[in-house]
Amino acid sequence: MISEKTPTITVEALLYFREEADALRVITDKLRVKEMGPADHIRTKHEVKAFVASGSLAAAEALLKAATTRHAAQRERERLAQRAERPMG
């Protein structure tokens, strides 16, 4: 189950981690993409690759916003799945 916290990474941290030799792995770990659903996981990894290639501030901001939104959506899907599993009455 996903923790209630969203990734606590900043745009400045993304820009810093972009300079790492294994930037893709470091950033995806920090954004906790493995906790997302399969489609969101893949989509976010592609966005991280694009950010690492461009290094733009706008791309970092968009990546962070998208990751936060996807984590919230995943939490909501899990909450609804748990609710559906409970017996009625």
Protein backbone atom coordinates (compact mmCIF):
# COMPACT_ATOMS: atom_id res chain seq x y z
CA MET A 1 0.00 0.00 0.00
CA ILE A 2 1.21 3.48 -0.77
CA SER A 3 2.04 5.74 2.13
CA GLU A 4 -0.04 8.86 2.49
CA LYS A 5 3.00 11.05 1.81
CA THR A 6 3.77 12.34 -1.63
CA PRO A 7 7.36 12.53 -2.78
CA THR A 8 9.21 15.18 -0.80
CA ILE A 9 11.55 16.25 -3.55
CA THR A 10 11.94 19.79 -4.81
CA VAL A 11 12.61 21.23 -8.24
CA GLU A 12 16.07 22.22 -7.04
CA ALA A 13 16.73 18.61 -5.98
CA LEU A 14 15.63 17.36 -9.39
CA LEU A 15 18.05 19.75 -11.06
CA TYR A 16 20.82 18.58 -8.73
CA PHE A 17 20.10 14.85 -9.22
CA ARG A 18 20.08 15.38 -12.99
CA GLU A 19 23.86 15.74 -12.82
CA GLU A 20 24.32 12.28 -11.28
CA ALA A 21 25.79 9.51 -13.46
CA ASP A 22 22.68 7.37 -12.91
CA ALA A 23 20.22 10.26 -12.89
CA LEU A 24 17.30 8.24 -14.25
CA ARG A 25 17.47 5.70 -11.42
CA VAL A 26 18.09 8.28 -8.71
CA ILE A 27 15.21 10.52 -9.77
CA THR A 28 12.75 7.68 -10.31
CA ASP A 29 13.64 6.32 -6.85
CA LYS A 30 13.12 9.74 -5.27
CA LEU A 31 9.78 10.14 -7.06
CA ARG A 32 8.78 6.60 -5.94
CA VAL A 33 7.55 5.68 -9.43
CA LYS A 34 7.49 1.96 -8.53
CA GLU A 35 4.55 2.73 -6.24
CA MET A 36 2.48 4.06 -9.14
CA GLY A 37 0.26 2.01 -11.37
CA PRO A 38 1.94 0.38 -14.39
CA ALA A 39 0.92 3.00 -16.96
CA ASP A 40 1.81 5.91 -14.67
CA HIS A 41 5.13 4.25 -13.85
CA ILE A 42 6.08 4.01 -17.53
CA ARG A 43 4.76 7.48 -18.35
CA THR A 44 6.71 9.04 -15.48
CA LYS A 45 9.93 7.23 -16.44
CA HIS A 46 9.63 8.67 -19.96
CA GLU A 47 9.09 12.13 -18.49
CA VAL A 48 12.16 11.69 -16.26
CA LYS A 49 14.23 10.70 -19.32
CA ALA A 50 13.03 13.81 -21.15
CA PHE A 51 13.85 15.98 -18.14
CA VAL A 52 17.34 14.49 -17.79
CA ALA A 53 17.95 15.20 -21.48
CA SER A 54 16.65 18.78 -21.36
CA GLY A 55 17.45 19.88 -17.83
CA SER A 56 14.91 22.68 -18.06
CA LEU A 57 13.29 24.22 -15.03
CA ALA A 58 9.87 24.00 -16.67
CA ALA A 59 10.33 20.26 -17.30
CA ALA A 60 11.34 19.74 -13.65
CA GLU A 61 8.26 21.61 -12.42
CA ALA A 62 5.96 19.67 -14.76
CA LEU A 63 7.55 16.36 -13.73
CA LEU A 64 7.10 17.07 -10.04
CA LYS A 65 3.49 18.15 -10.52
CA ALA A 66 2.66 15.09 -12.64
CA ALA A 67 4.27 12.70 -10.14
CA THR A 68 2.35 14.23 -7.24
CA THR A 69 -0.92 13.99 -9.18
CA ARG A 70 -0.25 10.37 -10.14
CA HIS A 71 0.51 9.40 -6.55
CA ALA A 72 -2.77 10.98 -5.43
CA ALA A 73 -4.65 9.12 -8.16
CA GLN A 74 -3.03 5.83 -7.14
CA ARG A 75 -4.00 6.37 -3.49
CA GLU A 76 -7.58 7.05 -4.56
CA ARG A 77 -7.68 3.90 -6.72
CA GLU A 78 -6.39 1.84 -3.79
CA ARG A 79 -8.92 3.42 -1.43
CA LEU A 80 -11.76 2.60 -3.82
CA ALA A 81 -10.49 -0.97 -4.29
CA GLN A 82 -10.39 -1.49 -0.52
CA ARG A 83 -13.87 -0.07 -0.19
CA ALA A 84 -15.18 -2.40 -2.89
CA GLU A 85 -13.68 -5.41 -1.09
CA ARG A 86 -15.55 -4.69 2.17
CA PRO A 87 -18.77 -6.61 2.70
CA MET A 88 -21.94 -4.55 2.53
CA GLY A 89 -24.14 -4.25 5.57
